[in-house]
């Protein structure tokens, strides 16, 4: 996940959140979101990913 913030979003205290996935026909974005909400979404997703990695029993 990553944030982008253009000049108008900066003025309005907004940001866009992008989920980086494997190449394909879909993109996942949350455009022009409240900056604090977007940060909370990213932190929560990072925590879910961290927990999933601790439960992964496949051979690496």
PDB file of N, CA and C in Angstrom:
ATOM      1  N   UNK A   1       0.841  -1.157   0.000  1.00  0.00           N
ATOM      2  CA  UNK A   1       0.000   0.000   0.000  1.00  0.00           C
ATOM      3  C   UNK A   1       0.893   1.228   0.000  1.00  0.00           C
ATOM      4  N   UNK A   2       0.366   2.250  -0.612  1.00  0.00           N
ATOM      5  CA  UNK A   2       1.117   3.506  -0.645  1.00  0.00           C
ATOM      6  C   UNK A   2       0.143   4.679  -0.707  1.00  0.00           C
ATOM      7  N   UNK A   3       0.642   5.806  -0.282  1.00  0.00           N
ATOM      8  CA  UNK A   3      -0.107   7.056  -0.323  1.00  0.00           C
ATOM      9  C   UNK A   3       0.398   7.904  -1.480  1.00  0.00           C
ATOM     10  N   UNK A   4      -0.490   8.647  -2.073  1.00  0.00           N
ATOM     11  CA  UNK A   4      -0.079   9.732  -2.957  1.00  0.00           C
ATOM     12  C   UNK A   4      -0.873  10.958  -2.545  1.00  0.00           C
ATOM     13  N   UNK A   5      -0.278  12.099  -2.759  1.00  0.00           N
ATOM     14  CA  UNK A   5      -0.950  13.334  -2.376  1.00  0.00           C
ATOM     15  C   UNK A   5      -0.526  14.437  -3.338  1.00  0.00           C
ATOM     16  N   UNK A   6      -1.460  14.838  -4.167  1.00  0.00           N
ATOM     17  CA  UNK A   6      -1.189  15.926  -5.100  1.00  0.00           C
ATOM     18  C   UNK A   6      -1.335  17.267  -4.417  1.00  0.00           C
ATOM     19  N   UNK A   7      -1.046  18.336  -5.133  1.00  0.00           N
ATOM     20  CA  UNK A   7      -1.083  19.661  -4.516  1.00  0.00           C
ATOM     21  C   UNK A   7      -2.465  20.045  -3.985  1.00  0.00           C
ATOM     22  N   UNK A   8      -3.525  19.719  -4.716  1.00  0.00           N
ATOM     23  CA  UNK A   8      -4.869  20.063  -4.235  1.00  0.00           C
ATOM     24  C   UNK A   8      -5.271  19.190  -3.060  1.00  0.00           C
ATOM     25  N   UNK A   9      -4.875  17.925  -3.079  1.00  0.00           N
ATOM     26  CA  UNK A   9      -5.157  17.060  -1.933  1.00  0.00           C
ATOM     27  C   UNK A   9      -4.440  17.582  -0.690  1.00  0.00           C
ATOM     28  N   UNK A  10      -3.212  18.048  -0.860  1.00  0.00           N
ATOM     29  CA  UNK A  10      -2.459  18.600   0.269  1.00  0.00           C
ATOM     30  C   UNK A  10      -3.187  19.793   0.878  1.00  0.00           C
ATOM     31  N   UNK A  11      -3.682  20.673   0.024  1.00  0.00           N
ATOM     32  CA  UNK A  11      -4.410  21.859   0.500  1.00  0.00           C
ATOM     33  C   UNK A  11      -5.657  21.447   1.272  1.00  0.00           C
ATOM     34  N   UNK A  12      -6.332  20.396   0.790  1.00  0.00           N
ATOM     35  CA  UNK A  12      -7.590  19.948   1.404  1.00  0.00           C
ATOM     36  C   UNK A  12      -7.378  18.893   2.492  1.00  0.00           C
ATOM     37  N   UNK A  13      -6.117  18.574   2.809  1.00  0.00           N
ATOM     38  CA  UNK A  13      -5.762  17.559   3.812  1.00  0.00           C
ATOM     39  C   UNK A  13      -6.350  16.194   3.460  1.00  0.00           C
ATOM     40  N   UNK A  14      -6.248  15.837   2.183  1.00  0.00           N
ATOM     41  CA  UNK A  14      -6.708  14.543   1.691  1.00  0.00           C
ATOM     42  C   UNK A  14      -5.517  13.763   1.157  1.00  0.00           C
ATOM     43  N   UNK A  15      -5.719  12.488   0.923  1.00  0.00           N
ATOM     44  CA  UNK A  15      -4.692  11.658   0.308  1.00  0.00           C
ATOM     45  C   UNK A  15      -5.372  10.531  -0.440  1.00  0.00           C
ATOM     46  N   UNK A  16      -4.667   9.916  -1.360  1.00  0.00           N
ATOM     47  CA  UNK A  16      -5.178   8.745  -2.068  1.00  0.00           C
ATOM     48  C   UNK A  16      -4.348   7.542  -1.651  1.00  0.00           C
ATOM     49  N   UNK A  17      -5.014   6.415  -1.472  1.00  0.00           N
ATOM     50  CA  UNK A  17      -4.370   5.172  -1.064  1.00  0.00           C
ATOM     51  C   UNK A  17      -4.407   4.226  -2.257  1.00  0.00           C
ATOM     52  N   UNK A  18      -3.279   3.587  -2.536  1.00  0.00           N
ATOM     53  CA  UNK A  18      -3.194   2.640  -3.645  1.00  0.00           C
ATOM     54  C   UNK A  18      -2.694   1.314  -3.104  1.00  0.00           C
ATOM     55  N   UNK A  19      -3.352   0.235  -3.512  1.00  0.00           N
ATOM     56  CA  UNK A  19      -2.920  -1.105  -3.136  1.00  0.00           C
ATOM     57  C   UNK A  19      -2.154  -1.664  -4.323  1.00  0.00           C
ATOM     58  N   UNK A  20      -0.884  -1.964  -4.110  1.00  0.00           N
ATOM     59  CA  UNK A  20      -0.061  -2.532  -5.170  1.00  0.00           C
ATOM     60  C   UNK A  20      -0.274  -4.037  -5.205  1.00  0.00           C
ATOM     61  N   UNK A  21      -0.737  -4.539  -6.338  1.00  0.00           N
ATOM     62  CA  UNK A  21      -1.020  -5.965  -6.505  1.00  0.00           C
ATOM     63  C   UNK A  21      -0.236  -6.483  -7.701  1.00  0.00           C
ATOM     64  N   UNK A  22      -0.380  -7.773  -7.956  1.00  0.00           N
ATOM     65  CA  UNK A  22       0.272  -8.342  -9.128  1.00  0.00           C
ATOM     66  C   UNK A  22      -0.304  -7.703 -10.376  1.00  0.00           C
ATOM     67  N   UNK A  23       0.465  -7.645 -11.453  1.00  0.00           N
ATOM     68  CA  UNK A  23      -0.029  -7.032 -12.685  1.00  0.00           C
ATOM     69  C   UNK A  23      -1.295  -7.733 -13.182  1.00  0.00           C
ATOM     70  N   UNK A  24      -2.237  -6.958 -13.611  1.00  0.00           N
ATOM     71  CA  UNK A  24      -3.483  -7.513 -14.119  1.00  0.00           C
ATOM     72  C   UNK A  24      -4.435  -6.412 -14.525  1.00  0.00           C
ATOM     73  N   UNK A  25      -5.668  -6.790 -14.807  1.00  0.00           N
ATOM     74  CA  UNK A  25      -6.618  -5.807 -15.323  1.00  0.00           C
ATOM     75  C   UNK A  25      -7.246  -4.909 -14.263  1.00  0.00           C
ATOM     76  N   UNK A  26      -6.970  -5.148 -12.991  1.00  0.00           N
ATOM     77  CA  UNK A  26      -7.608  -4.356 -11.934  1.00  0.00           C
ATOM     78  C   UNK A  26      -6.587  -3.524 -11.179  1.00  0.00           C
ATOM     79  N   UNK A  27      -7.016  -2.369 -10.739  1.00  0.00           N
ATOM     80  CA  UNK A  27      -6.241  -1.567  -9.796  1.00  0.00           C
ATOM     81  C   UNK A  27      -7.151  -1.254  -8.613  1.00  0.00           C
ATOM     82  N   UNK A  28      -6.548  -1.117  -7.453  1.00  0.00           N
ATOM     83  CA  UNK A  28      -7.320  -0.850  -6.240  1.00  0.00           C
ATOM     84  C   UNK A  28      -6.830   0.471  -5.665  1.00  0.00           C
ATOM     85  N   UNK A  29      -7.737   1.435  -5.581  1.00  0.00           N
ATOM     86  CA  UNK A  29      -7.379   2.751  -5.064  1.00  0.00           C
ATOM     87  C   UNK A  29      -8.534   3.337  -4.267  1.00  0.00           C
ATOM     88  N   UNK A  30      -8.202   4.077  -3.265  1.00  0.00           N
ATOM     89  CA  UNK A  30      -9.172   4.893  -2.537  1.00  0.00           C
ATOM     90  C   UNK A  30      -8.768   6.339  -2.743  1.00  0.00           C
ATOM     91  N   UNK A  31      -9.473   7.013  -3.610  1.00  0.00           N
ATOM     92  CA  UNK A  31      -9.069   8.360  -4.005  1.00  0.00           C
ATOM     93  C   UNK A  31      -9.660   9.434  -3.095  1.00  0.00           C
ATOM     94  N   UNK A  32      -8.870  10.437  -2.815  1.00  0.00           N
ATOM     95  CA  UNK A  32      -9.293  11.647  -2.101  1.00  0.00           C
ATOM     96  C   UNK A  32      -9.932  11.315  -0.743  1.00  0.00           C
ATOM     97  N   UNK A  33      -9.231  10.526   0.042  1.00  0.00           N
ATOM     98  CA  UNK A  33      -9.707  10.124   1.363  1.00  0.00           C
ATOM     99  C   UNK A  33      -9.139  11.068   2.425  1.00  0.00           C
ATOM    100  N   UNK A  34      -9.809  11.106   3.553  1.00  0.00           N
ATOM    101  CA  UNK A  34      -9.290  11.836   4.700  1.00  0.00           C
ATOM    102  C   UNK A  34      -7.918  11.273   5.055  1.00  0.00           C
ATOM    103  N   UNK A  35      -6.949  12.136   5.297  1.00  0.00           N
ATOM    104  CA  UNK A  35      -5.573  11.709   5.542  1.00  0.00           C
ATOM    105  C   UNK A  35      -5.451  10.761   6.731  1.00  0.00           C
ATOM    106  N   UNK A  36      -6.133  11.045   7.821  1.00  0.00           N
ATOM    107  CA  UNK A  36      -6.055  10.201   9.019  1.00  0.00           C
ATOM    108  C   UNK A  36      -6.700   8.842   8.749  1.00  0.00           C
ATOM    109  N   UNK A  37      -7.841   8.822   8.076  1.00  0.00           N
ATOM    110  CA  UNK A  37      -8.499   7.562   7.732  1.00  0.00           C
ATOM    111  C   UNK A  37      -7.587   6.714   6.844  1.00  0.00           C
ATOM    112  N   UNK A  38      -6.969   7.327   5.850  1.00  0.00           N
ATOM    113  CA  UNK A  38      -6.092   6.602   4.939  1.00  0.00           C
ATOM    114  C   UNK A  38      -4.899   6.002   5.692  1.00  0.00           C
ATOM    115  N   UNK A  39      -4.341   6.745   6.618  1.00  0.00           N
ATOM    116  CA  UNK A  39      -3.226   6.226   7.413  1.00  0.00           C
ATOM    117  C   UNK A  39      -3.683   5.049   8.268  1.00  0.00           C
ATOM    118  N   UNK A  40      -4.871   5.139   8.856  1.00  0.00           N
ATOM    119  CA  UNK A  40      -5.408   4.036   9.662  1.00  0.00           C
ATOM    120  C   UNK A  40      -5.614   2.782   8.821  1.00  0.00           C
ATOM    121  N   UNK A  41      -6.107   2.949   7.601  1.00  0.00           N
ATOM    122  CA  UNK A  41      -6.311   1.808   6.703  1.00  0.00           C
ATOM    123  C   UNK A  41      -4.977   1.137   6.402  1.00  0.00           C
ATOM    124  N   UNK A  42      -3.964   1.912   6.103  1.00  0.00           N
ATOM    125  CA  UNK A  42      -2.651   1.347   5.780  1.00  0.00           C
ATOM    126  C   UNK A  42      -2.025   0.640   6.979  1.00  0.00           C
ATOM    127  N   UNK A  43      -2.122   1.231   8.144  1.00  0.00           N
ATOM    128  CA  UNK A  43      -1.563   0.603   9.351  1.00  0.00           C
ATOM    129  C   UNK A  43      -2.296  -0.705   9.648  1.00  0.00           C
ATOM    130  N   UNK A  44      -3.615  -0.704   9.538  1.00  0.00           N
ATOM    131  CA  UNK A  44      -4.394  -1.921   9.795  1.00  0.00           C
ATOM    132  C   UNK A  44      -4.047  -3.014   8.789  1.00  0.00           C
ATOM    133  N   UNK A  45      -3.886  -2.657   7.535  1.00  0.00           N
ATOM    134  CA  UNK A  45      -3.540  -3.655   6.523  1.00  0.00           C
ATOM    135  C   UNK A  45      -2.137  -4.202   6.754  1.00  0.00           C
ATOM    136  N   UNK A  46      -1.218  -3.368   7.133  1.00  0.00           N
ATOM    137  CA  UNK A  46       0.143  -3.834   7.425  1.00  0.00           C
ATOM    138  C   UNK A  46       0.132  -4.821   8.587  1.00  0.00           C
ATOM    139  N   UNK A  47      -0.676  -4.565   9.587  1.00  0.00           N
ATOM    140  CA  UNK A  47      -0.787  -5.480  10.729  1.00  0.00           C
ATOM    141  C   UNK A  47      -1.402  -6.807  10.302  1.00  0.00           C
ATOM    142  N   UNK A  48      -2.447  -6.761   9.469  1.00  0.00           N
ATOM    143  CA  UNK A  48      -3.045  -8.018   8.973  1.00  0.00           C
ATOM    144  C   UNK A  48      -2.026  -8.821   8.175  1.00  0.00           C
ATOM    145  N   UNK A  49      -1.230  -8.159   7.357  1.00  0.00           N
ATOM    146  CA  UNK A  49      -0.203  -8.853   6.575  1.00  0.00           C
ATOM    147  C   UNK A  49       0.859  -9.460   7.492  1.00  0.00           C
ATOM    148  N   UNK A  50       1.252  -8.726   8.515  1.00  0.00           N
ATOM    149  CA  UNK A  50       2.243  -9.244   9.457  1.00  0.00           C
ATOM    150  C   UNK A  50       1.733 -10.493  10.160  1.00  0.00           C
ATOM    151  N   UNK A  51       0.482 -10.458  10.610  1.00  0.00           N
ATOM    152  CA  UNK A  51      -0.098 -11.624  11.273  1.00  0.00           C
ATOM    153  C   UNK A  51      -0.206 -12.810  10.322  1.00  0.00           C
ATOM    154  N   UNK A  52      -0.581 -12.559   9.092  1.00  0.00           N
ATOM    155  CA  UNK A  52      -0.686 -13.636   8.110  1.00  0.00           C
ATOM    156  C   UNK A  52       0.674 -14.290   7.870  1.00  0.00           C
ATOM    157  N   UNK A  53       1.741 -13.486   7.832  1.00  0.00           N
ATOM    158  CA  UNK A  53       3.072 -14.052   7.637  1.00  0.00           C
ATOM    159  C   UNK A  53       3.480 -14.933   8.803  1.00  0.00           C
ATOM    160  N   UNK A  54       3.057 -14.610  10.023  1.00  0.00           N
ATOM    161  CA  UNK A  54       3.429 -15.440  11.182  1.00  0.00           C
ATOM    162  C   UNK A  54       2.682 -16.772  11.159  1.00  0.00           C
ATOM    163  N   UNK A  55       1.526 -16.829  10.517  1.00  0.00           N
ATOM    164  CA  UNK A  55       0.738 -18.066  10.462  1.00  0.00           C
ATOM    165  C   UNK A  55       1.052 -18.919   9.231  1.00  0.00           C
ATOM    166  N   UNK A  56       1.841 -18.405   8.324  1.00  0.00           N
ATOM    167  CA  UNK A  56       2.149 -19.114   7.075  1.00  0.00           C
ATOM    168  C   UNK A  56       3.071 -20.300   7.376  1.00  0.00           C
ATOM    169  N   UNK A  57       2.602 -21.494   7.060  1.00  0.00           N
ATOM    170  CA  UNK A  57       3.393 -22.704   7.328  1.00  0.00           C
ATOM    171  C   UNK A  57       3.976 -23.294   6.053  1.00  0.00           C
ATOM    172  N   UNK A  58       3.805 -22.644   4.927  1.00  0.00           N
ATOM    173  CA  UNK A  58       4.366 -23.173   3.678  1.00  0.00           C
ATOM    174  C   UNK A  58       5.891 -23.056   3.685  1.00  0.00           C
ATOM    175  N   UNK A  59       6.503 -23.867   2.892  1.00  0.00           N
ATOM    176  CA  UNK A  59       7.959 -23.849   2.794  1.00  0.00           C
ATOM    177  C   UNK A  59       8.374 -22.680   1.906  1.00  0.00           C
ATOM    178  N   UNK A  60       9.340 -21.903   2.361  1.00  0.00           N
ATOM    179  CA  UNK A  60       9.816 -20.749   1.579  1.00  0.00           C
ATOM    180  C   UNK A  60      11.161 -21.040   0.983  1.00  0.00           C
TER     181      UNK A  60
END
